[in-house]
C-alpha atoms as a PDB file:
ATOM      1  CA  LEU A   1    -108.217 -53.590-120.144  1.00  0.00           C
ATOM      2  CA  THR A   2    -105.949 -54.710-122.892  1.00  0.00           C
ATOM      3  CA  ASP A   3    -104.725 -52.333-125.500  1.00  0.00           C
ATOM      4  CA  LEU A   4    -106.532 -52.103-128.815  1.00  0.00           C
ATOM      5  CA  GLN A   5    -105.731 -49.104-130.924  1.00  0.00           C
ATOM      6  CA  PRO A   6    -108.506 -47.137-132.616  1.00  0.00           C
ATOM      7  CA  LEU A   7    -108.778 -47.553-136.350  1.00  0.00           C
ATOM      8  CA  GLU A   8    -106.322 -45.277-138.068  1.00  0.00           C
ATOM      9  CA  PRO A   9    -107.448 -43.580-141.234  1.00  0.00           C
ATOM     10  CA  ASP A  10    -105.950 -45.027-144.390  1.00  0.00           C
ATOM     11  CA  LEU A  11    -103.751 -42.236-145.716  1.00  0.00           C
ATOM     12  CA  ALA A  12    -103.239 -43.941-149.071  1.00  0.00           C
ATOM     13  CA  THR A  13    -105.188 -42.688-152.051  1.00  0.00           C
ATOM     14  CA  PRO A  14    -108.626 -44.297-151.838  1.00  0.00           C
ATOM     15  CA  GLU A  15    -109.754 -46.574-154.621  1.00  0.00           C
ATOM     16  CA  PRO A  16    -112.403 -45.005-156.839  1.00  0.00           C
ATOM     17  CA  ASP A  17    -115.965 -46.139-156.360  1.00  0.00           C
ATOM     18  CA  LEU A  18    -117.556 -48.248-159.113  1.00  0.00           C
ATOM     19  CA  ASP A  19    -118.828 -45.052-160.696  1.00  0.00           C
ATOM     20  CA  GLY A  20    -115.249 -43.657-160.791  1.00  0.00           C
ATOM     21  CA  SER A  21    -115.759 -41.072-158.030  1.00  0.00           C
ATOM     22  CA  GLN A  22    -113.381 -40.756-155.056  1.00  0.00           C
ATOM     23  CA  PRO A  23    -115.038 -41.590-151.725  1.00  0.00           C
ATOM     24  CA  GLY A  24    -114.672 -39.072-148.877  1.00  0.00           C
ATOM     25  CA  SER A  25    -113.510 -41.809-146.494  1.00  0.00           C
ATOM     26  CA  ASP A  26    -113.192 -45.565-146.661  1.00  0.00           C
ATOM     27  CA  LEU A  27    -115.790 -46.661-144.143  1.00  0.00           C
ATOM     28  CA  THR A  28    -115.584 -50.199-145.456  1.00  0.00           C
ATOM     29  CA  ARG A  29    -112.379 -50.715-143.403  1.00  0.00           C
ATOM     30  CA  MET A  30    -114.744 -51.369-140.463  1.00  0.00           C
ATOM     31  CA  LEU A  31    -116.236 -54.385-142.225  1.00  0.00           C
ATOM     32  CA  ILE A  32    -114.962 -57.921-141.802  1.00  0.00           C
ATOM     33  CA  ASN A  33    -112.805 -59.205-144.633  1.00  0.00           C
ATOM     34  CA  TRP A  34    -114.212 -62.716-144.966  1.00  0.00           C
ATOM     35  CA  ASP A  35    -111.047 -64.208-146.502  1.00  0.00           C
ATOM     36  CA  THR A  36    -109.016 -63.022-143.516  1.00  0.00           C
ATOM     37  CA  PHE A  37    -111.773 -63.974-141.082  1.00  0.00           C
ATOM     38  CA  TRP A  38    -112.003 -67.595-142.235  1.00  0.00           C
ATOM     39  CA  SER A  39    -108.228 -68.036-142.502  1.00  0.00           C
ATOM     40  CA  THR A  40    -107.643 -66.820-138.917  1.00  0.00           C
ATOM     41  CA  ASP A  41    -107.527 -69.292-136.024  1.00  0.00           C
ATOM     42  CA  HIS A  42    -110.310 -68.194-133.664  1.00  0.00           C
ATOM     43  CA  THR A  43    -110.021 -71.246-131.416  1.00  0.00           C
ATOM     44  CA  THR A  44    -107.124 -70.007-129.294  1.00  0.00           C
ATOM     45  CA  GLU A  45    -106.879 -66.944-127.108  1.00  0.00           C
ATOM     46  CA  ASP A  46    -103.807 -64.963-126.160  1.00  0.00           C
ATOM     47  CA  TRP A  47    -103.478 -64.013-122.499  1.00  0.00           C
ATOM     48  CA  LEU A  48    -101.527 -61.300-120.710  1.00  0.00           C
ATOM     49  CA  ALA A  49    -102.401 -62.833-117.338  1.00  0.00           C
ATOM     50  CA  TRP A  50    -104.357 -66.083-117.487  1.00  0.00           C
ATOM     51  CA  PRO A  51    -107.215 -66.398-116.537  1.00  0.00           C
ATOM     52  CA  LEU A  52    -107.879 -62.708-115.870  1.00  0.00           C
ATOM     53  CA  LEU A  53    -106.577 -60.619-118.762  1.00  0.00           C
ATOM     54  CA  ALA A  54    -107.068 -61.799-122.316  1.00  0.00           C
ATOM     55  CA  VAL A  55    -105.453 -59.811-125.116  1.00  0.00           C
ATOM     56  CA  GLY A  56    -107.946 -57.588-126.920  1.00  0.00           C
ATOM     57  CA  ARG A  57    -110.689 -57.947-124.322  1.00  0.00           C
ATOM     58  CA  GLN A  58    -112.079 -55.721-121.616  1.00  0.00           C
ATOM     59  CA  THR A  59    -112.218 -57.188-118.137  1.00  0.00           C
ATOM     60  CA  ALA A  60    -114.293 -55.962-115.239  1.00  0.00           C
ATOM     61  CA  LEU A  61    -113.460 -57.176-111.752  1.00  0.00           C
ATOM     62  CA  TYR A  62    -116.357 -56.703-109.397  1.00  0.00           C
ATOM     63  CA  ALA A  63    -117.226 -57.780-105.856  1.00  0.00           C
ATOM     64  CA  PRO A  64    -118.607 -56.146-102.722  1.00  0.00           C
ATOM     65  CA  ALA A  65    -116.697 -53.155-101.334  1.00  0.00           C
ATOM     66  CA  LYS A  66    -113.500 -53.814 -99.363  1.00  0.00           C
ATOM     67  CA  THR A  67    -113.071 -57.428-100.544  1.00  0.00           C
ATOM     68  CA  GLY A  68    -109.642 -56.948-102.137  1.00  0.00           C
ATOM     69  CA  LYS A  69    -110.373 -56.160-105.798  1.00  0.00           C
ATOM     70  CA  SER A  70    -107.743 -53.418-105.959  1.00  0.00           C
ATOM     71  CA  LEU A  71    -105.157 -55.536-104.125  1.00  0.00           C
ATOM     72  CA  VAL A  72    -105.662 -58.512-106.474  1.00  0.00           C
ATOM     73  CA  THR A  73    -105.527 -56.192-109.490  1.00  0.00           C
ATOM     74  CA  LEU A  74    -102.341 -54.521-108.250  1.00  0.00           C
ATOM     75  CA  ALA A  75    -100.716 -57.911-107.525  1.00  0.00           C
ATOM     76  CA  VAL A  76    -101.450 -59.186-111.048  1.00  0.00           C
ATOM     77  CA  ILE A  77    -100.535 -55.940-112.808  1.00  0.00           C
ATOM     78  CA  ALA A  78     -97.302 -55.397-110.854  1.00  0.00           C
ATOM     79  CA  ALA A  79     -96.246 -58.973-111.643  1.00  0.00           C
ATOM     80  CA  LEU A  80     -97.114 -58.432-115.315  1.00  0.00           C
ATOM     81  CA  ALA A  81     -95.042 -55.221-115.414  1.00  0.00           C
ATOM     82  CA  ALA A  82     -92.123 -56.727-113.461  1.00  0.00           C
ATOM     83  CA  GLY A  83     -92.034 -59.966-115.461  1.00  0.00           C
ATOM     84  CA  HIS A  84     -92.804 -62.074-112.392  1.00  0.00           C
ATOM     85  CA  PRO A  85     -94.933 -65.237-112.265  1.00  0.00           C
ATOM     86  CA  ILE A  86     -98.674 -64.577-112.145  1.00  0.00           C
ATOM     87  CA  LEU A  87    -101.109 -66.842-110.297  1.00  0.00           C
ATOM     88  CA  GLY A  88     -98.679 -69.766-110.436  1.00  0.00           C
ATOM     89  CA  ARG A  89     -97.960 -69.362-114.141  1.00  0.00           C
ATOM     90  CA  PRO A  90     -94.350 -69.034-115.337  1.00  0.00           C
ATOM     91  CA  ALA A  91     -92.742 -65.602-115.527  1.00  0.00           C
ATOM     92  CA  GLN A  92     -92.869 -63.829-118.870  1.00  0.00           C
ATOM     93  CA  PRO A  93     -91.045 -60.746-120.164  1.00  0.00           C
ATOM     94  CA  PRO A  94     -92.241 -57.485-118.560  1.00  0.00           C
ATOM     95  CA  ARG A  95     -95.184 -55.747-120.215  1.00  0.00           C
ATOM     96  CA  ASN A  96     -96.023 -52.040-120.282  1.00  0.00           C
ATOM     97  CA  VAL A  97     -99.079 -51.378-118.146  1.00  0.00           C
ATOM     98  CA  LEU A  98    -100.931 -48.131-117.517  1.00  0.00           C
ATOM     99  CA  TYR A  99    -102.663 -47.978-114.128  1.00  0.00           C
ATOM    100  CA  LEU A 100    -105.003 -45.085-113.299  1.00  0.00           C
ATOM    101  CA  ASP A 101    -105.641 -45.243-109.560  1.00  0.00           C
ATOM    102  CA  LEU A 102    -108.490 -42.982-108.520  1.00  0.00           C
ATOM    103  CA  GLU A 103    -108.600 -44.262-104.933  1.00  0.00           C
ATOM    104  CA  MET A 104    -105.203 -44.807-103.313  1.00  0.00           C
ATOM    105  CA  THR A 105    -102.633 -42.252-102.256  1.00  0.00           C
ATOM    106  CA  PRO A 106     -98.916 -42.854-102.855  1.00  0.00           C
ATOM    107  CA  ALA A 107     -98.648 -43.902 -99.176  1.00  0.00           C
ATOM    108  CA  ASP A 108    -101.350 -46.563 -99.732  1.00  0.00           C
ATOM    109  CA  LEU A 109     -99.563 -47.750-102.872  1.00  0.00           C
ATOM    110  CA  HIS A 110     -96.239 -47.984-101.020  1.00  0.00           C
ATOM    111  CA  GLU A 111     -97.817 -50.074 -98.276  1.00  0.00           C
ATOM    112  CA  ARG A 112     -99.437 -52.445-100.755  1.00  0.00           C
ATOM    113  CA  LEU A 113     -96.393 -52.869-103.003  1.00  0.00           C
ATOM    114  CA  ASP A 114     -94.191 -53.435 -99.939  1.00  0.00           C
ATOM    115  CA  GLY A 115     -96.665 -56.042 -98.693  1.00  0.00           C
ATOM    116  CA  LEU A 116     -96.478 -57.774-102.082  1.00  0.00           C
ATOM    117  CA  GLY A 117     -92.672 -57.945-101.830  1.00  0.00           C
ATOM    118  CA  TYR A 118     -91.801 -55.065-104.150  1.00  0.00           C
ATOM    119  CA  GLY A 119     -89.302 -52.375-103.226  1.00  0.00           C
ATOM    120  CA  PRO A 120     -86.402 -50.294-104.500  1.00  0.00           C
ATOM    121  CA  HIS A 121     -84.746 -53.495-105.761  1.00  0.00           C
ATOM    122  CA  THR A 122     -87.680 -54.158-108.137  1.00  0.00           C
ATOM    123  CA  ASP A 123     -87.713 -52.800-111.672  1.00  0.00           C
ATOM    124  CA  LEU A 124     -91.207 -51.371-112.037  1.00  0.00           C
ATOM    125  CA  SER A 125     -90.316 -49.198-115.026  1.00  0.00           C
ATOM    126  CA  TYR A 126     -92.981 -51.005-117.085  1.00  0.00           C
ATOM    127  CA  LEU A 127     -95.668 -50.045-114.544  1.00  0.00           C
ATOM    128  CA  HIS A 128     -96.865 -46.570-115.548  1.00  0.00           C
ATOM    129  CA  TYR A 129     -98.855 -45.599-112.483  1.00  0.00           C
ATOM    130  CA  ALA A 130    -100.971 -42.460-112.052  1.00  0.00           C
ATOM    131  CA  SER A 131    -102.037 -41.930-108.441  1.00  0.00           C
ATOM    132  CA  LEU A 132    -105.153 -39.785-108.132  1.00  0.00           C
ATOM    133  CA  PRO A 133    -104.789 -38.265-111.614  1.00  0.00           C
ATOM    134  CA  THR A 134    -106.753 -35.148-112.455  1.00  0.00           C
ATOM    135  CA  ILE A 135    -108.193 -35.764-115.899  1.00  0.00           C
ATOM    136  CA  PRO A 136    -111.645 -35.094-117.325  1.00  0.00           C
ATOM    137  CA  PRO A 137    -114.185 -37.889-116.923  1.00  0.00           C
ATOM    138  CA  LEU A 138    -113.541 -40.865-119.193  1.00  0.00           C
ATOM    139  CA  ASN A 139    -117.106 -40.796-120.464  1.00  0.00           C
ATOM    140  CA  THR A 140    -116.273 -37.564-122.292  1.00  0.00           C
ATOM    141  CA  VAL A 141    -114.371 -36.949-125.515  1.00  0.00           C
ATOM    142  CA  GLU A 142    -111.798 -34.860-123.600  1.00  0.00           C
ATOM    143  CA  GLY A 143    -111.105 -37.514-120.966  1.00  0.00           C
ATOM    144  CA  ALA A 144    -110.894 -40.270-123.559  1.00  0.00           C
ATOM    145  CA  ALA A 145    -108.430 -38.241-125.653  1.00  0.00           C
ATOM    146  CA  ILE A 146    -106.101 -37.747-122.681  1.00  0.00           C
ATOM    147  CA  LEU A 147    -106.214 -41.413-121.669  1.00  0.00           C
ATOM    148  CA  LEU A 148    -105.634 -42.601-125.230  1.00  0.00           C
ATOM    149  CA  GLU A 149    -102.681 -40.232-125.639  1.00  0.00           C
ATOM    150  CA  LEU A 150    -101.186 -41.472-122.362  1.00  0.00           C
ATOM    151  CA  ASP A 151    -101.809 -45.073-123.420  1.00  0.00           C
ATOM    152  CA  GLU A 152    -100.003 -44.487-126.701  1.00  0.00           C
ATOM    153  CA  THR A 153     -97.165 -42.571-125.025  1.00  0.00           C
ATOM    154  CA  VAL A 154     -96.313 -45.424-122.636  1.00  0.00           C
ATOM    155  CA  GLY A 155     -97.094 -48.210-125.124  1.00  0.00           C
ATOM    156  CA  ALA A 156     -99.460 -49.894-122.703  1.00  0.00           C
ATOM    157  CA  GLU A 157    -100.508 -53.457-123.401  1.00  0.00           C
ATOM    158  CA  ALA A 158    -102.999 -53.286-120.538  1.00  0.00           C
ATOM    159  CA  VAL A 159    -104.840 -50.346-118.996  1.00  0.00           C
ATOM    160  CA  VAL A 160    -106.346 -50.469-115.513  1.00  0.00           C
ATOM    161  CA  ILE A 161    -108.921 -47.948-114.356  1.00  0.00           C
ATOM    162  CA  ASP A 162    -109.411 -48.323-110.609  1.00  0.00           C
ATOM    163  CA  THR A 163    -112.245 -47.637-110.057  1.00  0.00           C
ATOM    164  CA  THR A 164    -114.408 -46.952-113.101  1.00  0.00           C
ATOM    165  CA  SER A 165    -117.192 -45.322-111.076  1.00  0.00           C
ATOM    166  CA  ARG A 166    -114.752 -42.566-110.037  1.00  0.00           C
ATOM    167  CA  ALA A 167    -113.480 -42.095-113.599  1.00  0.00           C
ATOM    168  CA  ILE A 168    -116.830 -41.183-115.095  1.00  0.00           C
ATOM    169  CA  ASP A 169    -119.262 -38.337-114.521  1.00  0.00           C
ATOM    170  CA  GLY A 170    -122.788 -39.368-113.616  1.00  0.00           C
ATOM    171  CA  ASP A 171    -124.723 -41.601-111.280  1.00  0.00           C
ATOM    172  CA  GLU A 172    -123.159 -45.055-111.000  1.00  0.00           C
ATOM    173  CA  ASN A 173    -126.643 -46.600-111.144  1.00  0.00           C
ATOM    174  CA  ASP A 174    -127.412 -44.869-114.455  1.00  0.00           C
ATOM    175  CA  SER A 175    -126.397 -46.761-117.600  1.00  0.00           C
ATOM    176  CA  ALA A 176    -125.921 -43.635-119.776  1.00  0.00           C
ATOM    177  CA  PRO A 177    -122.512 -42.619-118.314  1.00  0.00           C
ATOM    178  CA  TYR A 178    -121.236 -46.176-118.808  1.00  0.00           C
ATOM    179  CA  ARG A 179    -122.491 -46.253-122.405  1.00  0.00           C
ATOM    180  CA  ASP A 180    -120.666 -42.977-122.999  1.00  0.00           C
ATOM    181  CA  PHE A 181    -117.531 -44.447-121.380  1.00  0.00           C
ATOM    182  CA  ALA A 182    -117.755 -47.468-123.686  1.00  0.00           C
ATOM    183  CA  ARG A 183    -118.310 -45.247-126.729  1.00  0.00           C
ATOM    184  CA  HIS A 184    -115.518 -42.746-126.045  1.00  0.00           C
ATOM    185  CA  THR A 185    -112.904 -44.732-124.112  1.00  0.00           C
ATOM    186  CA  GLY A 186    -113.633 -48.441-123.830  1.00  0.00           C
ATOM    187  CA  LEU A 187    -113.946 -49.242-127.535  1.00  0.00           C
ATOM    188  CA  ALA A 188    -110.902 -47.138-128.390  1.00  0.00           C
ATOM    189  CA  LEU A 189    -108.770 -49.093-125.910  1.00  0.00           C
END
């Protein structure tokens, strides 16, 4: 759910190969640089909303139907976007969040935000909320491209897809659509 940008191609002139030829693309940029790896502190983790949303990690919230997953997610994400305390932790500066809601209508959203204490007095300009968006499935190249463009446009530090099973095309008990989602959308985020 946190924002990781896809690898950008290196537009600089590539270094010649050992034989002096110019490579077509520098695929080695995907490989770990061991000097950087060993000099980086891997013992700490950065959090957007501890203990739910770690920076650079995907998070899946799951529970039986109608147990409050969407309400908890909205409460955490709205607080993150408004710069309010989250789960008893101190308030931090507001963060840009992209929320794709494939379940609730604007009336449902109004009721929930009102119940959480938000209203016209609250600055929710960092909460980029799409209610019932019509985009191609996110397990397709087309759907992923639209989501990634929207993510980049709003500068999202976290992306919520509520609910993933409605954002992909295919049987929710089949692993192939979820693998395609991970390949096209999840890894790019």
